[in-house]
């Protein structure tokens, strides 16, 4: 019998990525998704980071723009820096 437990172990979480992106974007104000994901360790982490961007967008924390079709996606921080990220993380856990 071969164990498959390792196949479903999350290596990162969307919540963790929301925290990382919130800090970076609050500091940088605007960055491309390519820049925001340049330190990712693999595809799973890139996907989690993209889902975190979508979660931040859904909660009104970031905006997007894309200058050219299929060009870089720019993510801009639009949230008040004093706002607490706990509410976002609670929604991610649901």
N, C-alpha and C. Protein backbone atom coordinates (compact mmCIF):
# COMPACT_ATOMS: atom_id res chain seq x y z
N UNK A 1 0.85 -1.17 0.00
CA UNK A 1 0.00 0.00 0.00
C UNK A 1 0.90 1.25 0.00
N UNK A 2 0.54 2.21 -0.83
CA UNK A 2 1.31 3.44 -0.95
C UNK A 2 0.50 4.57 -0.34
N UNK A 3 1.12 5.32 0.54
CA UNK A 3 0.45 6.44 1.18
C UNK A 3 0.31 7.60 0.20
N UNK A 4 -0.87 8.22 0.21
CA UNK A 4 -1.11 9.40 -0.62
C UNK A 4 -1.32 10.64 0.23
N UNK A 5 -1.02 10.55 1.51
CA UNK A 5 -1.23 11.68 2.43
C UNK A 5 -0.44 12.91 2.00
N UNK A 6 0.74 12.70 1.45
CA UNK A 6 1.58 13.82 1.03
C UNK A 6 0.99 14.60 -0.17
N UNK A 7 0.08 14.02 -0.90
CA UNK A 7 -0.49 14.67 -2.07
C UNK A 7 -1.45 15.80 -1.74
N UNK A 8 -1.99 15.80 -0.56
CA UNK A 8 -3.01 16.78 -0.20
C UNK A 8 -2.56 17.72 0.91
N UNK A 9 -1.29 17.74 1.21
CA UNK A 9 -0.79 18.63 2.25
C UNK A 9 -0.54 20.01 1.65
N UNK A 10 -1.29 21.01 2.11
CA UNK A 10 -1.04 22.36 1.57
C UNK A 10 0.34 22.86 2.03
N UNK A 11 1.09 23.36 1.07
CA UNK A 11 2.42 23.86 1.38
C UNK A 11 2.38 25.33 1.76
N UNK A 12 1.30 25.97 1.44
CA UNK A 12 1.07 27.35 1.82
C UNK A 12 -0.43 27.56 1.88
N UNK A 13 -0.85 28.68 2.40
CA UNK A 13 -2.27 28.96 2.47
C UNK A 13 -2.56 30.32 1.85
N UNK A 14 -3.79 30.51 1.44
CA UNK A 14 -4.21 31.81 0.92
C UNK A 14 -4.08 32.85 2.02
N UNK A 15 -4.41 32.48 3.22
CA UNK A 15 -4.30 33.40 4.36
C UNK A 15 -2.86 33.90 4.51
N UNK A 16 -1.91 33.00 4.44
CA UNK A 16 -0.50 33.37 4.53
C UNK A 16 -0.11 34.33 3.40
N UNK A 17 -0.61 34.05 2.21
CA UNK A 17 -0.29 34.89 1.06
C UNK A 17 -0.97 36.26 1.15
N UNK A 18 -2.17 36.33 1.73
CA UNK A 18 -2.82 37.63 1.96
C UNK A 18 -1.95 38.48 2.86
N UNK A 19 -1.41 37.89 3.91
CA UNK A 19 -0.54 38.62 4.83
C UNK A 19 0.72 39.13 4.12
N UNK A 20 1.33 38.27 3.32
CA UNK A 20 2.55 38.66 2.60
C UNK A 20 2.25 39.80 1.64
N UNK A 21 1.19 39.65 0.84
CA UNK A 21 0.86 40.67 -0.16
C UNK A 21 0.41 41.98 0.49
N UNK A 22 -0.32 41.91 1.58
CA UNK A 22 -0.76 43.13 2.26
C UNK A 22 0.43 43.95 2.70
N UNK A 23 1.41 43.31 3.26
CA UNK A 23 2.61 44.01 3.71
C UNK A 23 3.39 44.61 2.55
N UNK A 24 3.58 43.82 1.52
CA UNK A 24 4.35 44.31 0.37
C UNK A 24 3.66 45.45 -0.36
N UNK A 25 2.38 45.27 -0.61
CA UNK A 25 1.67 46.29 -1.38
C UNK A 25 1.45 47.57 -0.57
N UNK A 26 1.28 47.45 0.73
CA UNK A 26 1.16 48.65 1.56
C UNK A 26 2.45 49.46 1.50
N UNK A 27 3.56 48.77 1.35
CA UNK A 27 4.86 49.43 1.27
C UNK A 27 5.16 49.92 -0.15
N UNK A 28 4.93 49.08 -1.16
CA UNK A 28 5.27 49.41 -2.54
C UNK A 28 4.22 50.29 -3.23
N UNK A 29 2.97 50.14 -2.82
CA UNK A 29 1.81 50.84 -3.38
C UNK A 29 1.36 50.27 -4.73
N UNK A 30 2.29 49.85 -5.59
CA UNK A 30 1.92 49.31 -6.91
C UNK A 30 3.03 48.38 -7.38
N UNK A 31 2.65 47.23 -7.91
CA UNK A 31 3.63 46.26 -8.42
C UNK A 31 2.94 45.36 -9.43
N UNK A 32 3.72 44.73 -10.28
CA UNK A 32 3.15 43.75 -11.19
C UNK A 32 2.98 42.43 -10.45
N UNK A 33 2.07 41.61 -10.95
CA UNK A 33 1.92 40.29 -10.33
C UNK A 33 3.22 39.51 -10.50
N UNK A 34 3.92 39.71 -11.58
CA UNK A 34 5.20 39.05 -11.81
C UNK A 34 6.18 39.40 -10.67
N UNK A 35 6.23 40.68 -10.28
CA UNK A 35 7.09 41.10 -9.17
C UNK A 35 6.62 40.49 -7.85
N UNK A 36 5.31 40.47 -7.66
CA UNK A 36 4.75 39.97 -6.40
C UNK A 36 4.93 38.47 -6.23
N UNK A 37 5.10 37.75 -7.34
CA UNK A 37 5.23 36.30 -7.25
C UNK A 37 6.65 35.82 -7.56
N UNK A 38 7.59 36.73 -7.70
CA UNK A 38 8.96 36.36 -8.09
C UNK A 38 9.67 35.48 -7.06
N UNK A 39 9.25 35.53 -5.80
CA UNK A 39 9.91 34.73 -4.77
C UNK A 39 9.17 33.42 -4.46
N UNK A 40 8.15 33.11 -5.24
CA UNK A 40 7.38 31.88 -4.98
C UNK A 40 8.22 30.64 -5.25
N UNK A 41 7.98 29.62 -4.45
CA UNK A 41 8.75 28.39 -4.54
C UNK A 41 8.23 27.37 -5.54
N UNK A 42 7.11 27.64 -6.15
CA UNK A 42 6.55 26.69 -7.12
C UNK A 42 5.17 27.11 -7.54
N UNK A 43 4.59 26.34 -8.42
CA UNK A 43 3.28 26.64 -8.98
C UNK A 43 2.21 26.75 -7.91
N UNK A 44 2.23 25.85 -6.92
CA UNK A 44 1.24 25.88 -5.84
C UNK A 44 1.25 27.21 -5.12
N UNK A 45 2.44 27.77 -4.92
CA UNK A 45 2.55 29.03 -4.20
C UNK A 45 2.09 30.21 -5.08
N UNK A 46 2.36 30.13 -6.37
CA UNK A 46 1.89 31.17 -7.31
C UNK A 46 0.37 31.18 -7.35
N UNK A 47 -0.23 30.02 -7.38
CA UNK A 47 -1.70 29.92 -7.40
C UNK A 47 -2.27 30.49 -6.10
N UNK A 48 -1.68 30.14 -4.97
CA UNK A 48 -2.15 30.67 -3.68
C UNK A 48 -2.00 32.18 -3.62
N UNK A 49 -0.92 32.69 -4.18
CA UNK A 49 -0.69 34.14 -4.19
C UNK A 49 -1.72 34.83 -5.08
N UNK A 50 -2.04 34.23 -6.23
CA UNK A 50 -3.05 34.81 -7.11
C UNK A 50 -4.41 34.80 -6.44
N UNK A 51 -4.74 33.72 -5.76
CA UNK A 51 -6.01 33.66 -5.02
C UNK A 51 -6.03 34.72 -3.92
N UNK A 52 -4.89 35.00 -3.32
CA UNK A 52 -4.80 36.05 -2.30
C UNK A 52 -5.05 37.42 -2.92
N UNK A 53 -4.52 37.65 -4.13
CA UNK A 53 -4.78 38.91 -4.84
C UNK A 53 -6.28 39.06 -5.10
N UNK A 54 -6.91 37.99 -5.53
CA UNK A 54 -8.36 38.03 -5.78
C UNK A 54 -9.13 38.30 -4.49
N UNK A 55 -8.69 37.72 -3.40
CA UNK A 55 -9.34 37.95 -2.10
C UNK A 55 -9.18 39.41 -1.67
N UNK A 56 -8.00 39.97 -1.86
CA UNK A 56 -7.77 41.37 -1.54
C UNK A 56 -8.63 42.28 -2.42
N UNK A 57 -8.78 41.91 -3.67
CA UNK A 57 -9.63 42.69 -4.59
C UNK A 57 -11.10 42.63 -4.15
N UNK A 58 -11.53 41.44 -3.81
CA UNK A 58 -12.92 41.24 -3.37
C UNK A 58 -13.24 42.08 -2.14
N UNK A 59 -12.24 42.30 -1.31
CA UNK A 59 -12.42 43.07 -0.08
C UNK A 59 -12.06 44.54 -0.24
N UNK A 60 -11.85 44.98 -1.47
CA UNK A 60 -11.60 46.39 -1.74
C UNK A 60 -10.24 46.90 -1.30
N UNK A 61 -9.28 46.01 -1.15
CA UNK A 61 -7.95 46.40 -0.70
C UNK A 61 -7.01 46.75 -1.85
N UNK A 62 -7.23 46.16 -3.03
CA UNK A 62 -6.37 46.41 -4.19
C UNK A 62 -7.22 46.68 -5.42
N UNK A 63 -6.59 47.27 -6.42
CA UNK A 63 -7.21 47.42 -7.74
C UNK A 63 -6.24 46.87 -8.77
N UNK A 64 -6.74 46.60 -9.96
CA UNK A 64 -5.94 46.03 -11.04
C UNK A 64 -5.95 46.96 -12.24
N UNK A 65 -4.90 46.91 -13.02
CA UNK A 65 -4.93 47.47 -14.36
C UNK A 65 -3.92 46.72 -15.21
N UNK A 66 -4.22 46.69 -16.49
CA UNK A 66 -3.38 45.97 -17.45
C UNK A 66 -3.26 46.88 -18.67
N UNK A 67 -2.07 47.37 -18.93
CA UNK A 67 -1.86 48.36 -19.97
C UNK A 67 -2.10 47.79 -21.36
N UNK A 68 -1.62 46.60 -21.62
CA UNK A 68 -1.76 45.97 -22.93
C UNK A 68 -2.42 44.60 -22.76
N UNK A 69 -3.21 44.18 -23.74
CA UNK A 69 -3.79 42.84 -23.67
C UNK A 69 -2.67 41.79 -23.50
N UNK A 70 -2.88 40.89 -22.59
CA UNK A 70 -1.92 39.83 -22.24
C UNK A 70 -0.61 40.38 -21.67
N UNK A 71 -0.61 41.67 -21.28
CA UNK A 71 0.57 42.27 -20.66
C UNK A 71 0.58 42.03 -19.18
N UNK A 72 1.55 42.65 -18.51
CA UNK A 72 1.66 42.50 -17.07
C UNK A 72 0.42 43.04 -16.36
N UNK A 73 0.02 42.33 -15.32
CA UNK A 73 -1.09 42.74 -14.48
C UNK A 73 -0.52 43.57 -13.34
N UNK A 74 -0.94 44.83 -13.25
CA UNK A 74 -0.49 45.72 -12.18
C UNK A 74 -1.49 45.67 -11.04
N UNK A 75 -0.99 45.52 -9.84
CA UNK A 75 -1.82 45.48 -8.64
C UNK A 75 -1.47 46.70 -7.81
N UNK A 76 -2.48 47.50 -7.48
CA UNK A 76 -2.27 48.72 -6.70
C UNK A 76 -2.97 48.62 -5.36
N UNK A 77 -2.31 49.05 -4.32
CA UNK A 77 -2.86 49.06 -2.96
C UNK A 77 -3.78 50.27 -2.83
N UNK A 78 -5.04 50.07 -2.50
CA UNK A 78 -5.99 51.18 -2.36
C UNK A 78 -6.60 51.24 -0.96
N UNK A 79 -6.27 50.30 -0.12
CA UNK A 79 -6.85 50.23 1.22
C UNK A 79 -6.19 51.22 2.15
N UNK A 80 -6.92 51.57 3.19
CA UNK A 80 -6.37 52.37 4.26
C UNK A 80 -5.37 51.50 5.02
N UNK A 81 -4.16 52.00 5.21
CA UNK A 81 -3.11 51.21 5.86
C UNK A 81 -3.45 50.81 7.28
N UNK A 82 -4.36 51.51 7.93
CA UNK A 82 -4.68 51.23 9.31
C UNK A 82 -5.72 50.12 9.46
N UNK A 83 -6.33 49.72 8.38
CA UNK A 83 -7.39 48.71 8.44
C UNK A 83 -6.80 47.36 8.86
N UNK A 84 -7.56 46.63 9.64
CA UNK A 84 -7.10 45.36 10.19
C UNK A 84 -7.34 44.24 9.19
N UNK A 85 -6.32 43.40 8.93
CA UNK A 85 -6.43 42.29 7.99
C UNK A 85 -7.13 41.07 8.59
N UNK A 86 -7.45 41.10 9.87
CA UNK A 86 -8.12 39.94 10.47
C UNK A 86 -9.44 39.62 9.81
N UNK A 87 -10.19 40.64 9.40
CA UNK A 87 -11.49 40.40 8.75
C UNK A 87 -11.32 39.66 7.44
N UNK A 88 -10.30 40.00 6.67
CA UNK A 88 -10.03 39.29 5.43
C UNK A 88 -9.65 37.85 5.72
N UNK A 89 -8.78 37.64 6.68
CA UNK A 89 -8.34 36.30 6.99
C UNK A 89 -9.48 35.43 7.50
N UNK A 90 -10.42 36.01 8.21
CA UNK A 90 -11.58 35.25 8.66
C UNK A 90 -12.42 34.81 7.47
N UNK A 91 -12.58 35.67 6.46
CA UNK A 91 -13.33 35.30 5.26
C UNK A 91 -12.62 34.22 4.46
N UNK A 92 -11.29 34.27 4.40
CA UNK A 92 -10.52 33.28 3.68
C UNK A 92 -10.72 31.91 4.31
N UNK A 93 -10.82 31.85 5.63
CA UNK A 93 -10.98 30.58 6.33
C UNK A 93 -12.36 29.96 6.14
N UNK A 94 -13.33 30.75 5.70
CA UNK A 94 -14.69 30.22 5.58
C UNK A 94 -14.84 29.25 4.45
